[in-house]
């Protein structure tokens, strides 16, 4: 999703090339006839040349990043083709787009399997803002903090929500967090939870639970020499840490 950023888009693709086979790149550019569309199209033209090193097919798609619906339609066409028809994994770079388009990307990513979203943070944050000791800082600050807004635009989400871990799933994730986020085997995890790992009923119950947690994206299989190792995904660690902190402090201070 190409806006005013250029170098960071190249940096993102270069990074993923070390971990994924990049077969095709879609450059979604701002098709509007305004200054944002202008810089987006200039960047896309240059990206066609700059990305030739990856040896992949590159396609350009025009869309309106200020329209949730237009973004949704554009991304849906790509994911339908790549995920459903070609059975490929997809990465969406949302580094250089609007909040409306980012919301659409997150929503649609939840509707397709094997779709991930990433951003490339800037090496220097806030480079566009004057330093607080700069004479122009107060003028800049007064101007940006008083810019008015339009009517709020809701970011529409699917009717079904992700289930938050509860019951035994919550307890299991919290124990895994307490143990550093990794278990060399399901058997050891069961023992940490104070249950009898030799009992077939207990073992089957936790095997089913682990599969549900893997499907939910909370944990994944990890290397181990003694069994099926388990570790948190970043999503799983984040939500478990959030549960832990919420339970430790019921009141905000």
Protein backbone atom coordinates (compact mmCIF):
# COMPACT_ATOMS: atom_id res chain seq x y z
CA UNK A 1 0.00 0.00 0.00
CA UNK A 2 2.02 2.92 -1.36
CA UNK A 3 1.70 6.46 -0.03
CA UNK A 4 4.47 8.96 0.60
CA UNK A 5 6.95 6.33 1.81
CA UNK A 6 9.39 4.79 -0.64
CA UNK A 7 12.57 3.46 0.99
CA UNK A 8 10.71 1.70 3.80
CA UNK A 9 8.62 -0.26 1.30
CA UNK A 10 11.80 -1.54 -0.34
CA UNK A 11 13.27 -2.31 3.09
CA UNK A 12 10.21 -4.37 4.00
CA UNK A 13 10.28 -6.48 0.84
CA UNK A 14 14.05 -6.96 1.13
CA UNK A 15 13.60 -8.23 4.68
CA UNK A 16 10.88 -10.76 3.83
CA UNK A 17 12.92 -12.10 0.92
CA UNK A 18 15.20 -13.74 3.46
CA UNK A 19 12.29 -15.68 4.97
CA UNK A 20 9.68 -16.09 2.24
CA UNK A 21 9.58 -16.79 -1.48
CA UNK A 22 8.27 -13.55 -2.95
CA UNK A 23 6.41 -14.68 -6.06
CA UNK A 24 4.36 -11.59 -6.81
CA UNK A 25 4.14 -8.01 -5.57
CA UNK A 26 1.01 -5.85 -5.79
CA UNK A 27 1.61 -2.11 -5.49
CA UNK A 28 -1.62 -0.42 -4.40
CA UNK A 29 -1.34 3.25 -5.30
CA UNK A 30 -3.54 6.25 -4.53
CA UNK A 31 -5.58 6.97 -7.67
CA UNK A 32 -7.00 10.31 -6.45
CA UNK A 33 -6.17 13.51 -8.37
CA UNK A 34 -4.62 15.33 -5.42
CA UNK A 35 -1.18 15.78 -3.85
CA UNK A 36 -1.43 12.42 -2.05
CA UNK A 37 -2.25 10.62 -5.27
CA UNK A 38 0.57 12.44 -7.02
CA UNK A 39 3.31 11.34 -4.60
CA UNK A 40 1.88 7.81 -4.45
CA UNK A 41 2.02 7.39 -8.22
CA UNK A 42 5.55 8.84 -8.41
CA UNK A 43 6.67 6.32 -5.78
CA UNK A 44 4.99 3.43 -7.60
CA UNK A 45 6.70 4.34 -10.87
CA UNK A 46 10.07 4.31 -9.11
CA UNK A 47 9.24 1.11 -7.23
CA UNK A 48 8.63 -0.75 -10.48
CA UNK A 49 12.27 -0.07 -11.34
CA UNK A 50 13.73 -0.40 -7.84
CA UNK A 51 12.05 -3.75 -7.11
CA UNK A 52 13.31 -5.41 -10.26
CA UNK A 53 16.04 -7.02 -8.15
CA UNK A 54 13.54 -9.42 -6.56
CA UNK A 55 12.81 -11.10 -9.87
CA UNK A 56 9.08 -11.27 -9.17
CA UNK A 57 6.07 -10.15 -11.14
CA UNK A 58 4.96 -6.65 -10.09
CA UNK A 59 1.42 -5.36 -10.57
CA UNK A 60 -0.06 -1.92 -9.91
CA UNK A 61 -3.62 -1.41 -8.60
CA UNK A 62 -5.25 1.97 -8.15
CA UNK A 63 -7.52 2.58 -5.14
CA UNK A 64 -8.73 5.34 -2.84
CA UNK A 65 -7.00 4.88 0.54
CA UNK A 66 -9.37 7.39 2.13
CA UNK A 67 -12.31 5.10 1.36
CA UNK A 68 -12.80 2.06 3.59
CA UNK A 69 -15.00 0.44 0.96
CA UNK A 70 -12.68 1.07 -1.96
CA UNK A 71 -9.73 -0.30 0.00
CA UNK A 72 -11.74 -3.34 1.05
CA UNK A 73 -12.76 -4.08 -2.54
CA UNK A 74 -9.19 -3.75 -3.85
CA UNK A 75 -7.71 -5.98 -1.16
CA UNK A 76 -10.48 -8.55 -1.45
CA UNK A 77 -9.76 -9.04 -5.15
CA UNK A 78 -6.07 -9.64 -4.42
CA UNK A 79 -6.65 -12.03 -1.51
CA UNK A 80 -9.38 -13.95 -3.34
CA UNK A 81 -6.96 -14.59 -6.16
CA UNK A 82 -3.82 -15.26 -4.14
CA UNK A 83 -5.20 -17.12 -1.12
CA UNK A 84 -8.31 -18.89 -2.39
CA UNK A 85 -7.30 -19.64 -5.96
CA UNK A 86 -3.50 -19.85 -5.84
CA UNK A 87 -3.21 -21.11 -2.24
CA UNK A 88 -0.44 -18.64 -1.47
CA UNK A 89 0.51 -16.90 1.75
CA UNK A 90 0.14 -13.12 1.66
CA UNK A 91 1.89 -10.29 3.49
CA UNK A 92 0.29 -6.82 3.50
CA UNK A 93 2.57 -3.84 4.07
CA UNK A 94 0.48 -1.12 5.76
CA UNK A 95 3.44 1.17 6.47
CA UNK A 96 2.36 3.91 4.08
CA UNK A 97 -1.40 4.26 4.09
CA UNK A 98 -4.30 5.97 5.84
CA UNK A 99 -6.06 4.95 9.03
CA UNK A 100 -9.16 4.08 6.99
CA UNK A 101 -7.18 1.78 4.72
CA UNK A 102 -5.34 0.26 7.67
CA UNK A 103 -8.67 -0.57 9.32
CA UNK A 104 -9.90 -2.22 6.14
CA UNK A 105 -6.68 -4.23 5.85
CA UNK A 106 -6.94 -5.53 9.41
CA UNK A 107 -10.60 -6.48 8.94
CA UNK A 108 -10.12 -8.31 5.66
CA UNK A 109 -7.00 -10.10 6.95
CA UNK A 110 -9.22 -11.74 9.57
CA UNK A 111 -11.37 -13.22 6.80
CA UNK A 112 -8.63 -15.11 4.94
CA UNK A 113 -6.19 -17.74 6.14
CA UNK A 114 -2.43 -17.28 5.76
CA UNK A 115 -2.61 -13.48 5.60
CA UNK A 116 -0.32 -11.36 7.74
CA UNK A 117 0.05 -7.61 8.13
CA UNK A 118 3.24 -5.72 8.85
CA UNK A 119 4.66 -2.23 9.11
CA UNK A 120 8.20 -0.93 8.68
CA UNK A 121 8.88 1.59 11.48
CA UNK A 122 10.94 4.66 10.49
CA UNK A 123 14.59 4.76 11.50
CA UNK A 124 13.98 8.30 12.75
CA UNK A 125 10.63 9.05 14.36
CA UNK A 126 9.04 12.48 14.18
CA UNK A 127 11.57 13.76 11.65
CA UNK A 128 8.90 16.09 10.23
CA UNK A 129 8.34 17.91 13.54
CA UNK A 130 10.58 20.79 14.71
CA UNK A 131 12.53 20.15 17.89
CA UNK A 132 10.92 21.58 21.03
CA UNK A 133 13.73 24.15 21.31
CA UNK A 134 13.24 25.23 17.71
CA UNK A 135 11.57 28.68 17.47
CA UNK A 136 9.10 27.21 14.99
CA UNK A 137 8.00 24.44 17.36
CA UNK A 138 5.22 26.37 19.13
CA UNK A 139 3.82 27.58 15.81
CA UNK A 140 3.85 24.04 14.43
CA UNK A 141 2.34 22.59 17.60
CA UNK A 142 -0.43 25.18 17.74
CA UNK A 143 -1.28 24.51 14.12
CA UNK A 144 -1.36 20.70 14.17
CA UNK A 145 -3.29 20.41 17.46
CA UNK A 146 -6.12 22.64 16.23
CA UNK A 147 -6.78 20.95 12.88
CA UNK A 148 -10.48 20.05 12.86
CA UNK A 149 -12.01 16.76 11.82
CA UNK A 150 -14.84 15.49 9.66
CA UNK A 151 -17.66 13.19 10.75
CA UNK A 152 -16.19 10.12 12.53
CA UNK A 153 -15.83 7.10 10.24
CA UNK A 154 -16.38 3.74 11.88
CA UNK A 155 -13.96 0.93 11.05
CA UNK A 156 -16.38 -1.90 10.32
CA UNK A 157 -15.52 -5.33 11.72
CA UNK A 158 -16.93 -8.82 11.11
CA UNK A 159 -19.90 -9.80 13.29
CA UNK A 160 -18.00 -12.68 14.84
CA UNK A 161 -15.24 -11.72 17.22
CA UNK A 162 -12.11 -13.56 18.27
CA UNK A 163 -12.85 -15.54 21.41
CA UNK A 164 -10.83 -14.39 24.37
CA UNK A 165 -9.15 -17.26 26.22
CA UNK A 166 -11.16 -18.43 29.21
CA UNK A 167 -11.30 -21.35 31.61
CA UNK A 168 -8.59 -23.96 31.11
CA UNK A 169 -7.24 -22.14 28.03
CA UNK A 170 -6.62 -18.98 30.05
CA UNK A 171 -4.95 -20.92 32.88
CA UNK A 172 -2.75 -22.80 30.41
CA UNK A 173 -1.58 -19.64 28.66
CA UNK A 174 -0.85 -17.90 31.96
CA UNK A 175 1.21 -20.88 33.12
CA UNK A 176 3.15 -20.91 29.86
CA UNK A 177 3.86 -17.20 30.37
CA UNK A 178 5.03 -17.86 33.92
CA UNK A 179 7.43 -20.49 32.57
CA UNK A 180 8.98 -18.04 30.12
CA UNK A 181 6.74 -18.67 27.10
CA UNK A 182 8.17 -22.05 26.10
CA UNK A 183 7.57 -25.68 27.00
CA UNK A 184 9.67 -28.53 25.54
CA UNK A 185 6.64 -30.85 25.62
CA UNK A 186 2.92 -31.01 26.28
CA UNK A 187 3.66 -33.51 29.05
CA UNK A 188 5.78 -31.00 30.95
CA UNK A 189 3.15 -28.29 30.48
CA UNK A 190 0.54 -30.61 32.00
CA UNK A 191 2.83 -31.23 34.98
CA UNK A 192 3.35 -27.49 35.44
CA UNK A 193 -0.42 -27.19 35.66
CA UNK A 194 -0.48 -29.74 38.49
CA UNK A 195 -2.23 -32.51 36.59
CA UNK A 196 -1.32 -36.15 35.94
CA UNK A 197 0.30 -36.36 32.50
CA UNK A 198 0.19 -40.16 32.59
CA UNK A 199 -3.63 -40.18 32.70
CA UNK A 200 -4.89 -40.76 29.09
CA UNK A 201 -8.03 -38.70 29.74
CA UNK A 202 -5.98 -35.73 30.95
CA UNK A 203 -3.51 -36.04 28.08
CA UNK A 204 -6.26 -36.19 25.45
CA UNK A 205 -8.00 -33.18 27.00
CA UNK A 206 -4.83 -31.10 26.78
CA UNK A 207 -3.98 -32.34 23.29
CA UNK A 208 -7.33 -31.01 22.10
CA UNK A 209 -6.80 -27.77 24.00
CA UNK A 210 -3.35 -27.25 22.48
CA UNK A 211 -4.76 -27.76 18.98
CA UNK A 212 -7.44 -25.12 19.66
CA UNK A 213 -4.81 -22.68 20.92
CA UNK A 214 -2.68 -23.34 17.83
CA UNK A 215 -5.65 -22.76 15.52
CA UNK A 216 -6.41 -19.56 17.40
CA UNK A 217 -2.90 -18.30 16.76
CA UNK A 218 -1.91 -18.14 20.44
CA UNK A 219 0.86 -20.73 20.38
CA UNK A 220 2.87 -22.64 17.79
CA UNK A 221 5.04 -25.72 17.64
CA UNK A 222 8.67 -25.13 18.58
CA UNK A 223 11.86 -27.21 18.26
CA UNK A 224 12.37 -29.73 21.06
CA UNK A 225 14.38 -32.90 21.63
CA UNK A 226 11.92 -34.45 24.08
CA UNK A 227 8.52 -34.06 22.42
CA UNK A 228 6.29 -31.48 20.78
CA UNK A 229 7.71 -28.17 21.90
CA UNK A 230 5.36 -25.21 22.33
CA UNK A 231 5.95 -21.48 22.36
CA UNK A 232 3.92 -18.28 22.19
CA UNK A 233 3.26 -16.44 18.98
CA UNK A 234 3.67 -12.68 19.39
CA UNK A 235 -0.12 -12.39 19.40
CA UNK A 236 -0.43 -15.08 22.06
CA UNK A 237 2.22 -13.52 24.29
CA UNK A 238 0.64 -10.08 23.96
CA UNK A 239 -2.88 -11.17 24.86
CA UNK A 240 -1.65 -13.37 27.74
CA UNK A 241 0.44 -10.53 29.16
CA UNK A 242 -2.65 -8.30 28.89
CA UNK A 243 -4.76 -10.88 30.78
CA UNK A 244 -2.08 -11.20 33.46
CA UNK A 245 -1.80 -7.46 34.03
CA UNK A 246 -5.57 -6.99 34.07
CA UNK A 247 -5.92 -9.68 36.73
CA UNK A 248 -3.09 -8.26 38.81
CA UNK A 249 -4.66 -4.81 38.95
CA UNK A 250 -8.44 -4.53 38.73
CA UNK A 251 -8.38 -0.74 39.08
CA UNK A 252 -6.56 1.77 36.91
CA UNK A 253 -4.33 4.16 38.82
